[in-house]
Amino acid sequence: MTPSPASPTTSSPRAATSPHCRPRRAESTSPAGWTWPPARSSATRWPTTTAPTSSSTHSTWLTGRGGLQSGCIIHSDRGSEYTSSRFCCRIQQLGLRQSCGRTGSCFDNAAAESFWALLKEEIGTRVWPDRTTARADVFDFIETFYNRRRLRRHRVFGNLTPAETRQRHRHALAA
């Protein structure tokens, strides 16, 4: 995911580009802390409510494990779950900034679209026997391939995997 530039109103120059500015799953024990959104995924095909209705759902989506720094940008498409007044108010309460892509333009959310396309290509869109099996397959894809073996073929990232890039970033912050 490409970091968003910090705005002039952001309190910290690194706030909007920090790895802590990404929504993460509250109960994750993964070092990456990736998200399991409660909304329906096209990969699982299980019908669930797409519009978050409770404050706890919003908190899980927006703060996750470790929380988000004030001024972080939450970028999404214009789906009803992201444009609901309750979701928008929660973003404001947390001091975050909302960014929505243009209607009908997949290019505004290219990183997420690329991830879902690769996920569908690698594990398919089959119907799993149960949610546990589907989650295990998606977890395996993210943790063993997407974060550990997939190279980010760009000179800015030094042809490193996302896990190596994150480790290098943490080491640089600690120095």
N, C-alpha and C. Protein backbone atom coordinates (compact mmCIF):
# COMPACT_ATOMS: atom_id res chain seq x y z
N MET A 1 0.84 -1.17 0.00
CA MET A 1 0.00 0.00 0.00
C MET A 1 0.89 1.23 0.00
N THR A 2 0.63 2.15 -0.86
CA THR A 2 1.43 3.36 -0.96
C THR A 2 1.06 4.31 0.16
N PRO A 3 2.05 4.81 0.92
CA PRO A 3 1.73 5.74 1.99
C PRO A 3 1.19 7.04 1.43
N SER A 4 0.26 7.63 2.16
CA SER A 4 -0.29 8.92 1.77
C SER A 4 0.57 10.03 2.33
N PRO A 5 0.74 11.12 1.59
CA PRO A 5 1.56 12.19 2.10
C PRO A 5 0.90 12.85 3.30
N ALA A 6 1.72 13.33 4.22
CA ALA A 6 1.19 14.02 5.39
C ALA A 6 0.61 15.36 4.96
N SER A 7 -0.46 15.74 5.60
CA SER A 7 -1.08 17.02 5.26
C SER A 7 -0.52 18.10 6.15
N PRO A 8 -0.72 19.38 5.79
CA PRO A 8 -0.22 20.46 6.62
C PRO A 8 -0.87 20.48 8.00
N THR A 9 -2.05 19.86 8.14
CA THR A 9 -2.72 19.88 9.43
C THR A 9 -2.33 18.70 10.31
N THR A 10 -1.55 17.78 9.79
CA THR A 10 -1.14 16.62 10.57
C THR A 10 -0.14 17.05 11.63
N SER A 11 -0.34 16.57 12.87
CA SER A 11 0.51 16.99 13.97
C SER A 11 1.94 16.49 13.83
N SER A 12 2.14 15.29 13.33
CA SER A 12 3.47 14.74 13.16
C SER A 12 3.75 14.57 11.67
N PRO A 13 4.93 14.93 11.19
CA PRO A 13 5.20 14.77 9.77
C PRO A 13 5.16 13.32 9.32
N ARG A 14 5.38 12.36 10.24
CA ARG A 14 5.35 10.95 9.86
C ARG A 14 4.00 10.31 10.13
N ALA A 15 3.06 11.03 10.72
CA ALA A 15 1.80 10.42 11.15
C ALA A 15 1.06 9.73 10.01
N ALA A 16 0.95 10.37 8.87
CA ALA A 16 0.17 9.79 7.78
C ALA A 16 0.93 8.73 7.00
N THR A 17 2.24 8.63 7.17
CA THR A 17 3.01 7.64 6.43
C THR A 17 3.52 6.53 7.32
N SER A 18 3.27 6.59 8.62
CA SER A 18 3.72 5.57 9.55
C SER A 18 3.02 4.25 9.28
N PRO A 19 3.69 3.11 9.50
CA PRO A 19 3.01 1.83 9.33
C PRO A 19 1.87 1.66 10.33
N HIS A 20 1.84 2.45 11.38
CA HIS A 20 0.77 2.35 12.37
C HIS A 20 -0.50 3.03 11.89
N CYS A 21 -0.50 3.61 10.70
CA CYS A 21 -1.66 4.32 10.17
C CYS A 21 -2.57 3.42 9.37
N ARG A 22 -2.35 2.16 9.40
CA ARG A 22 -3.21 1.25 8.66
C ARG A 22 -4.15 0.55 9.63
N PRO A 23 -5.44 0.43 9.27
CA PRO A 23 -6.35 -0.28 10.15
C PRO A 23 -5.88 -1.72 10.32
N ARG A 24 -5.91 -2.21 11.55
CA ARG A 24 -5.46 -3.57 11.79
C ARG A 24 -6.45 -4.30 12.69
N ARG A 25 -6.44 -5.58 12.60
CA ARG A 25 -7.36 -6.44 13.32
C ARG A 25 -7.05 -6.41 14.81
N ALA A 26 -8.05 -6.16 15.63
CA ALA A 26 -7.87 -6.00 17.06
C ALA A 26 -7.33 -7.25 17.73
N GLU A 27 -7.79 -8.43 17.32
CA GLU A 27 -7.37 -9.64 18.01
C GLU A 27 -6.21 -10.35 17.32
N SER A 28 -5.55 -9.67 16.42
CA SER A 28 -4.45 -10.28 15.68
C SER A 28 -3.24 -10.51 16.57
N THR A 29 -2.60 -11.67 16.39
CA THR A 29 -1.33 -11.91 17.05
C THR A 29 -0.21 -11.88 16.03
N SER A 30 -0.56 -11.63 14.79
CA SER A 30 0.41 -11.55 13.71
C SER A 30 1.25 -10.29 13.85
N PRO A 31 2.56 -10.37 13.57
CA PRO A 31 3.37 -9.15 13.62
C PRO A 31 2.88 -8.11 12.63
N ALA A 32 2.30 -8.55 11.52
CA ALA A 32 1.80 -7.60 10.54
C ALA A 32 0.48 -6.99 10.99
N GLY A 33 -0.31 -7.71 11.79
CA GLY A 33 -1.57 -7.20 12.31
C GLY A 33 -2.59 -6.88 11.25
N TRP A 34 -2.73 -7.72 10.25
CA TRP A 34 -3.61 -7.39 9.13
C TRP A 34 -5.06 -7.50 9.53
N THR A 35 -5.91 -6.97 8.68
CA THR A 35 -7.33 -6.81 8.99
C THR A 35 -8.19 -7.96 8.48
N TRP A 36 -9.14 -8.36 9.29
CA TRP A 36 -10.24 -9.22 8.86
C TRP A 36 -11.48 -8.36 8.93
N PRO A 37 -11.87 -7.67 7.87
CA PRO A 37 -13.05 -6.81 7.98
C PRO A 37 -14.30 -7.63 8.20
N PRO A 38 -15.21 -7.13 9.05
CA PRO A 38 -16.43 -7.88 9.30
C PRO A 38 -17.39 -7.90 8.11
N ALA A 39 -17.11 -7.12 7.08
CA ALA A 39 -18.00 -7.08 5.91
C ALA A 39 -17.80 -8.31 5.04
N ARG A 40 -18.72 -8.56 4.15
CA ARG A 40 -18.65 -9.71 3.24
C ARG A 40 -17.47 -9.56 2.31
N SER A 41 -16.76 -10.64 2.13
CA SER A 41 -15.64 -10.65 1.20
C SER A 41 -16.04 -11.44 -0.03
N SER A 42 -15.64 -10.96 -1.19
CA SER A 42 -15.95 -11.70 -2.41
C SER A 42 -15.22 -13.04 -2.43
N ALA A 43 -14.14 -13.16 -1.65
CA ALA A 43 -13.40 -14.42 -1.62
C ALA A 43 -14.14 -15.49 -0.83
N THR A 44 -14.88 -15.10 0.22
CA THR A 44 -15.57 -16.09 1.04
C THR A 44 -17.00 -16.32 0.61
N ARG A 45 -17.62 -15.30 0.01
CA ARG A 45 -19.00 -15.37 -0.47
C ARG A 45 -20.02 -15.61 0.64
N TRP A 46 -19.68 -15.34 1.88
CA TRP A 46 -20.65 -15.47 2.95
C TRP A 46 -21.40 -14.17 3.12
N PRO A 47 -22.72 -14.22 3.13
CA PRO A 47 -23.47 -12.98 3.30
C PRO A 47 -23.39 -12.49 4.74
N THR A 48 -22.93 -11.30 4.93
CA THR A 48 -22.93 -10.66 6.24
C THR A 48 -23.33 -9.22 6.02
N THR A 49 -23.58 -8.52 7.08
CA THR A 49 -23.95 -7.12 6.97
C THR A 49 -22.76 -6.33 6.48
N THR A 50 -22.96 -5.51 5.45
CA THR A 50 -21.85 -4.72 4.93
C THR A 50 -21.73 -3.39 5.63
N ALA A 51 -22.80 -2.88 6.20
CA ALA A 51 -22.72 -1.59 6.89
C ALA A 51 -22.44 -1.83 8.36
N PRO A 52 -21.32 -1.33 8.88
CA PRO A 52 -21.04 -1.52 10.30
C PRO A 52 -22.10 -0.80 11.12
N THR A 53 -22.58 -1.47 12.16
CA THR A 53 -23.67 -0.87 12.93
C THR A 53 -23.31 -0.58 14.37
N SER A 54 -22.24 -1.11 14.88
CA SER A 54 -21.93 -0.89 16.29
C SER A 54 -20.64 -0.13 16.45
N SER A 55 -20.51 0.53 17.59
CA SER A 55 -19.28 1.25 17.89
C SER A 55 -18.10 0.30 17.98
N SER A 56 -18.34 -0.91 18.48
CA SER A 56 -17.23 -1.86 18.60
C SER A 56 -16.72 -2.28 17.23
N THR A 57 -17.62 -2.41 16.25
CA THR A 57 -17.18 -2.73 14.88
C THR A 57 -16.33 -1.60 14.34
N HIS A 58 -16.78 -0.37 14.54
CA HIS A 58 -16.00 0.78 14.08
C HIS A 58 -14.64 0.81 14.76
N SER A 59 -14.61 0.57 16.05
CA SER A 59 -13.34 0.59 16.77
C SER A 59 -12.40 -0.47 16.23
N THR A 60 -12.93 -1.66 15.95
CA THR A 60 -12.09 -2.73 15.40
C THR A 60 -11.53 -2.33 14.05
N TRP A 61 -12.39 -1.79 13.19
CA TRP A 61 -11.94 -1.38 11.86
C TRP A 61 -10.94 -0.26 11.93
N LEU A 62 -11.19 0.73 12.77
CA LEU A 62 -10.41 1.95 12.72
C LEU A 62 -9.20 1.97 13.63
N THR A 63 -9.26 1.31 14.77
CA THR A 63 -8.12 1.40 15.67
C THR A 63 -7.29 0.14 15.69
N GLY A 64 -7.93 -1.01 15.70
CA GLY A 64 -7.18 -2.26 15.65
C GLY A 64 -6.16 -2.38 16.75
N ARG A 65 -5.27 -3.35 16.60
CA ARG A 65 -4.22 -3.58 17.58
C ARG A 65 -3.19 -2.46 17.48
N GLY A 66 -2.94 -1.75 18.55
CA GLY A 66 -1.94 -0.70 18.56
C GLY A 66 -2.50 0.68 18.27
N GLY A 67 -3.70 0.77 17.73
CA GLY A 67 -4.33 2.06 17.49
C GLY A 67 -3.73 2.82 16.31
N LEU A 68 -4.40 3.88 15.95
CA LEU A 68 -3.96 4.76 14.87
C LEU A 68 -3.62 6.12 15.43
N GLN A 69 -2.63 6.75 14.87
CA GLN A 69 -2.25 8.08 15.31
C GLN A 69 -3.22 9.09 14.73
N SER A 70 -3.45 10.15 15.49
CA SER A 70 -4.31 11.23 15.01
C SER A 70 -3.75 11.78 13.71
N GLY A 71 -4.63 12.05 12.76
CA GLY A 71 -4.20 12.58 11.47
C GLY A 71 -4.00 11.53 10.41
N CYS A 72 -4.04 10.24 10.79
CA CYS A 72 -3.89 9.18 9.79
C CYS A 72 -5.05 9.25 8.79
N ILE A 73 -4.78 8.82 7.59
CA ILE A 73 -5.77 8.86 6.52
C ILE A 73 -6.37 7.47 6.33
N ILE A 74 -7.70 7.40 6.35
CA ILE A 74 -8.42 6.16 6.09
C ILE A 74 -8.96 6.28 4.67
N HIS A 75 -8.39 5.50 3.74
CA HIS A 75 -8.82 5.59 2.34
C HIS A 75 -9.69 4.39 2.00
N SER A 76 -10.78 4.64 1.32
CA SER A 76 -11.70 3.56 0.94
C SER A 76 -12.41 3.92 -0.35
N ASP A 77 -13.22 2.98 -0.81
CA ASP A 77 -14.10 3.30 -1.93
C ASP A 77 -15.35 3.96 -1.35
N ARG A 78 -16.36 4.13 -2.17
CA ARG A 78 -17.57 4.82 -1.72
C ARG A 78 -18.68 3.85 -1.32
N GLY A 79 -18.31 2.69 -0.82
CA GLY A 79 -19.30 1.73 -0.37
C GLY A 79 -20.09 2.26 0.82
N SER A 80 -21.30 1.75 1.00
CA SER A 80 -22.18 2.25 2.06
C SER A 80 -21.58 2.06 3.44
N GLU A 81 -20.75 1.03 3.62
CA GLU A 81 -20.14 0.81 4.93
C GLU A 81 -19.13 1.90 5.28
N TYR A 82 -18.57 2.56 4.28
CA TYR A 82 -17.57 3.60 4.52
C TYR A 82 -18.15 5.01 4.45
N THR A 83 -19.33 5.17 3.87
CA THR A 83 -19.92 6.50 3.76
C THR A 83 -21.07 6.71 4.73
N SER A 84 -21.36 5.72 5.57
CA SER A 84 -22.43 5.87 6.54
C SER A 84 -22.08 7.00 7.51
N SER A 85 -23.10 7.69 7.98
CA SER A 85 -22.85 8.81 8.90
C SER A 85 -22.19 8.33 10.18
N ARG A 86 -22.55 7.14 10.64
CA ARG A 86 -21.95 6.61 11.88
C ARG A 86 -20.45 6.38 11.70
N PHE A 87 -20.06 5.80 10.57
CA PHE A 87 -18.64 5.55 10.30
C PHE A 87 -17.87 6.86 10.17
N CYS A 88 -18.45 7.82 9.43
CA CYS A 88 -17.79 9.12 9.24
C CYS A 88 -17.63 9.86 10.56
N CYS A 89 -18.64 9.80 11.43
CA CYS A 89 -18.55 10.45 12.74
C CYS A 89 -17.47 9.80 13.59
N ARG A 90 -17.36 8.46 13.52
CA ARG A 90 -16.34 7.76 14.31
C ARG A 90 -14.94 8.15 13.84
N ILE A 91 -14.76 8.31 12.56
CA ILE A 91 -13.47 8.75 12.03
C ILE A 91 -13.11 10.12 12.60
N GLN A 92 -14.07 11.02 12.61
CA GLN A 92 -13.83 12.37 13.16
C GLN A 92 -13.53 12.31 14.65
N GLN A 93 -14.27 11.49 15.41
CA GLN A 93 -14.04 11.36 16.85
C GLN A 93 -12.62 10.89 17.14
N LEU A 94 -12.09 10.03 16.30
CA LEU A 94 -10.74 9.49 16.51
C LEU A 94 -9.65 10.42 15.98
N GLY A 95 -10.04 11.54 15.39
CA GLY A 95 -9.06 12.49 14.86
C GLY A 95 -8.40 12.02 13.58
N LEU A 96 -9.09 11.15 12.85
CA LEU A 96 -8.56 10.62 11.60
C LEU A 96 -9.14 11.40 10.43
N ARG A 97 -8.57 11.19 9.25
CA ARG A 97 -9.05 11.87 8.04
C ARG A 97 -9.57 10.83 7.07
N GLN A 98 -10.73 11.10 6.49
CA GLN A 98 -11.32 10.17 5.54
C GLN A 98 -11.00 10.58 4.12
N SER A 99 -10.70 9.59 3.30
CA SER A 99 -10.42 9.80 1.89
C SER A 99 -11.18 8.74 1.12
N CYS A 100 -11.98 9.16 0.16
CA CYS A 100 -12.75 8.22 -0.67
C CYS A 100 -12.35 8.37 -2.13
N GLY A 101 -12.28 7.25 -2.81
CA GLY A 101 -11.99 7.29 -4.24
C GLY A 101 -13.18 7.79 -5.02
N ARG A 102 -12.93 8.11 -6.27
CA ARG A 102 -14.01 8.57 -7.14
C ARG A 102 -14.94 7.42 -7.49
N THR A 103 -16.17 7.74 -7.75
CA THR A 103 -17.16 6.74 -8.13
C THR A 103 -16.75 6.08 -9.45
N GLY A 104 -16.73 4.75 -9.45
CA GLY A 104 -16.43 4.01 -10.67
C GLY A 104 -14.98 3.98 -11.09
N SER A 105 -14.07 4.39 -10.22
CA SER A 105 -12.65 4.40 -10.59
C SER A 105 -11.87 3.45 -9.69
N CYS A 106 -11.49 2.30 -10.23
CA CYS A 106 -10.72 1.34 -9.45
C CYS A 106 -9.30 1.82 -9.21
N PHE A 107 -8.85 2.81 -9.97
CA PHE A 107 -7.47 3.28 -9.86
C PHE A 107 -7.23 4.08 -8.58
N ASP A 108 -8.30 4.60 -7.96
CA ASP A 108 -8.14 5.35 -6.73
C ASP A 108 -7.77 4.46 -5.56
N ASN A 109 -8.03 3.18 -5.67
CA ASN A 109 -7.72 2.25 -4.60
C ASN A 109 -6.93 1.08 -5.18
N ALA A 110 -5.95 1.41 -5.99
CA ALA A 110 -5.21 0.41 -6.76
C ALA A 110 -4.52 -0.64 -5.90
N ALA A 111 -3.95 -0.25 -4.76
CA ALA A 111 -3.24 -1.22 -3.92
C ALA A 111 -4.19 -2.30 -3.41
N ALA A 112 -5.35 -1.88 -2.93
CA ALA A 112 -6.32 -2.86 -2.43
C ALA A 112 -6.87 -3.71 -3.57
N GLU A 113 -7.16 -3.09 -4.70
CA GLU A 113 -7.66 -3.85 -5.85
C GLU A 113 -6.62 -4.87 -6.31
N SER A 114 -5.36 -4.50 -6.29
CA SER A 114 -4.28 -5.40 -6.68
C SER A 114 -4.19 -6.59 -5.71
N PHE A 115 -4.30 -6.31 -4.40
CA PHE A 115 -4.26 -7.37 -3.40
C PHE A 115 -5.38 -8.38 -3.63
N TRP A 116 -6.63 -7.88 -3.78
CA TRP A 116 -7.76 -8.79 -3.95
C TRP A 116 -7.63 -9.59 -5.25
N ALA A 117 -7.13 -8.96 -6.31
CA ALA A 117 -6.95 -9.68 -7.58
C ALA A 117 -5.93 -10.81 -7.41
N LEU A 118 -4.83 -10.53 -6.72
CA LEU A 118 -3.81 -11.55 -6.50
C LEU A 118 -4.33 -12.66 -5.59
N LEU A 119 -5.08 -12.30 -4.56
CA LEU A 119 -5.67 -13.30 -3.67
C LEU A 119 -6.59 -14.23 -4.46
N LYS A 120 -7.46 -13.66 -5.28
CA LYS A 120 -8.39 -14.48 -6.07
C LYS A 120 -7.64 -15.37 -7.05
N GLU A 121 -6.55 -14.86 -7.62
CA GLU A 121 -5.76 -15.64 -8.57
C GLU A 121 -5.05 -16.80 -7.87
N GLU A 122 -4.52 -16.55 -6.68
CA GLU A 122 -3.73 -17.56 -5.98
C GLU A 122 -4.57 -18.62 -5.28
N ILE A 123 -5.65 -18.22 -4.60
CA ILE A 123 -6.43 -19.23 -3.87
C ILE A 123 -7.81 -19.46 -4.48
N GLY A 124 -8.15 -18.68 -5.50
CA GLY A 124 -9.41 -18.89 -6.19
C GLY A 124 -10.61 -18.27 -5.48
N THR A 125 -11.76 -18.48 -6.06
CA THR A 125 -13.00 -17.94 -5.48
C THR A 125 -13.96 -19.07 -5.17
N ARG A 126 -13.41 -20.22 -4.87
CA ARG A 126 -14.26 -21.37 -4.55
C ARG A 126 -15.04 -21.14 -3.25
N VAL A 127 -15.99 -21.98 -3.00
CA VAL A 127 -16.74 -21.93 -1.75
C VAL A 127 -16.10 -22.94 -0.81
N TRP A 128 -15.65 -22.48 0.35
CA TRP A 128 -15.01 -23.35 1.32
C TRP A 128 -16.06 -24.07 2.15
N PRO A 129 -15.70 -25.21 2.74
CA PRO A 129 -16.68 -25.96 3.53
C PRO A 129 -17.14 -25.21 4.78
N ASP A 130 -16.25 -24.37 5.33
CA ASP A 130 -16.63 -23.59 6.50
C ASP A 130 -15.73 -22.36 6.61
N ARG A 131 -16.10 -21.45 7.48
CA ARG A 131 -15.37 -20.20 7.65
C ARG A 131 -13.94 -20.44 8.15
N THR A 132 -13.76 -21.42 9.02
CA THR A 132 -12.43 -21.71 9.57
C THR A 132 -11.46 -22.11 8.46
N THR A 133 -11.90 -22.94 7.54
CA THR A 133 -11.05 -23.36 6.43
C THR A 133 -10.73 -22.18 5.52
N ALA A 134 -11.72 -21.35 5.24
CA ALA A 134 -11.49 -20.17 4.39
C ALA A 134 -10.48 -19.23 5.04
N ARG A 135 -10.67 -18.97 6.33
CA ARG A 135 -9.73 -18.09 7.04
C ARG A 135 -8.32 -18.67 7.04
N ALA A 136 -8.21 -19.98 7.22
CA ALA A 136 -6.88 -20.61 7.22
C ALA A 136 -6.21 -20.45 5.86
N ASP A 137 -6.97 -20.62 4.78
CA ASP A 137 -6.40 -20.45 3.44
C ASP A 137 -5.97 -19.01 3.19
N VAL A 138 -6.81 -18.06 3.60
CA VAL A 138 -6.47 -16.64 3.42
C VAL A 138 -5.26 -16.28 4.29
N PHE A 139 -5.24 -16.76 5.54
CA PHE A 139 -4.11 -16.51 6.43
C PHE A 139 -2.82 -17.05 5.82
N ASP A 140 -2.88 -18.28 5.31
CA ASP A 140 -1.71 -18.90 4.69
C ASP A 140 -1.23 -18.06 3.51
N PHE A 141 -2.15 -17.58 2.68
CA PHE A 141 -1.78 -16.74 1.54
C PHE A 141 -1.09 -15.47 2.01
N ILE A 142 -1.66 -14.79 3.00
CA ILE A 142 -1.10 -13.51 3.45
C ILE A 142 0.24 -13.71 4.15
N GLU A 143 0.29 -14.62 5.11
CA GLU A 143 1.49 -14.77 5.92
C GLU A 143 2.62 -15.54 5.25
N THR A 144 2.32 -16.53 4.42
CA THR A 144 3.42 -17.29 3.83
C THR A 144 3.81 -16.82 2.44
N PHE A 145 2.88 -16.24 1.70
CA PHE A 145 3.23 -15.76 0.37
C PHE A 145 3.29 -14.24 0.30
N TYR A 146 2.18 -13.58 0.56
CA TYR A 146 2.07 -12.14 0.31
C TYR A 146 3.08 -11.33 1.12
N ASN A 147 3.25 -11.63 2.39
CA ASN A 147 4.17 -10.86 3.23
C ASN A 147 5.59 -11.40 3.24
N ARG A 148 5.81 -12.68 2.96
CA ARG A 148 7.13 -13.28 3.15
C ARG A 148 7.89 -13.62 1.87
N ARG A 149 7.18 -13.94 0.79
CA ARG A 149 7.88 -14.36 -0.44
C ARG A 149 7.70 -13.42 -1.61
N ARG A 150 6.58 -12.69 -1.64
CA ARG A 150 6.30 -11.80 -2.78
C ARG A 150 7.26 -10.62 -2.74
N LEU A 151 7.98 -10.41 -3.80
CA LEU A 151 8.91 -9.29 -3.86
C LEU A 151 8.20 -8.06 -4.37
N ARG A 152 8.55 -6.93 -3.79
CA ARG A 152 8.01 -5.66 -4.26
C ARG A 152 9.00 -5.15 -5.30
N ARG A 153 8.72 -5.42 -6.54
CA ARG A 153 9.65 -5.12 -7.62
C ARG A 153 9.66 -3.64 -7.96
N HIS A 154 10.29 -2.90 -7.09
CA HIS A 154 10.42 -1.46 -7.29
C HIS A 154 11.70 -1.03 -6.58
N ARG A 155 12.46 -0.17 -7.21
CA ARG A 155 13.75 0.22 -6.63
C ARG A 155 13.59 0.91 -5.28
N VAL A 156 12.45 1.58 -5.07
CA VAL A 156 12.22 2.26 -3.79
C VAL A 156 12.22 1.24 -2.65
N PHE A 157 11.69 0.03 -2.91
CA PHE A 157 11.61 -1.00 -1.89
C PHE A 157 12.81 -1.94 -1.92
N GLY A 158 13.74 -1.74 -2.83
CA GLY A 158 14.94 -2.55 -2.90
C GLY A 158 14.67 -4.01 -3.22
N ASN A 159 13.59 -4.30 -3.94
CA ASN A 159 13.23 -5.68 -4.27
C ASN A 159 13.14 -6.57 -3.04
N LEU A 160 12.59 -6.04 -1.96
CA LEU A 160 12.41 -6.78 -0.72
C LEU A 160 10.96 -7.23 -0.59
N THR A 161 10.73 -8.24 0.25
CA THR A 161 9.36 -8.63 0.55
C THR A 161 8.77 -7.59 1.50
N PRO A 162 7.44 -7.53 1.63
CA PRO A 162 6.85 -6.60 2.60
C PRO A 162 7.35 -6.83 4.02
N ALA A 163 7.56 -8.10 4.42
CA ALA A 163 8.06 -8.38 5.77
C ALA A 163 9.47 -7.82 5.94
N GLU A 164 10.32 -7.96 4.93
CA GLU A 164 11.68 -7.41 5.01
C GLU A 164 11.66 -5.89 5.02
N THR A 165 10.76 -5.30 4.24
CA THR A 165 10.63 -3.84 4.22
C THR A 165 10.22 -3.33 5.59
N ARG A 166 9.25 -4.00 6.20
CA ARG A 166 8.78 -3.61 7.54
C ARG A 166 9.89 -3.75 8.58
N GLN A 167 10.64 -4.86 8.51
CA GLN A 167 11.73 -5.08 9.45
C GLN A 167 12.80 -3.99 9.29
N ARG A 168 13.12 -3.64 8.05
CA ARG A 168 14.10 -2.58 7.80
C ARG A 168 13.61 -1.25 8.36
N HIS A 169 12.31 -0.96 8.18
CA HIS A 169 11.72 0.28 8.70
C HIS A 169 11.79 0.31 10.23
N ARG A 170 11.44 -0.80 10.88
CA ARG A 170 11.51 -0.86 12.36
C ARG A 170 12.93 -0.67 12.85
N HIS A 171 13.89 -1.28 12.15
CA HIS A 171 15.29 -1.15 12.54
C HIS A 171 15.75 0.30 12.41
N ALA A 172 15.33 0.97 11.33
CA ALA A 172 15.70 2.37 11.12
C ALA A 172 15.09 3.27 12.19
N LEU A 173 13.86 2.98 12.61
CA LEU A 173 13.23 3.77 13.67
C LEU A 173 13.92 3.57 15.01
N ALA A 174 14.41 2.34 15.26
CA ALA A 174 15.07 2.04 16.53
C ALA A 174 16.47 2.66 16.61
N ALA A 175 17.07 2.90 15.46
CA ALA A 175 18.45 3.43 15.44
C ALA A 175 18.52 4.89 15.83
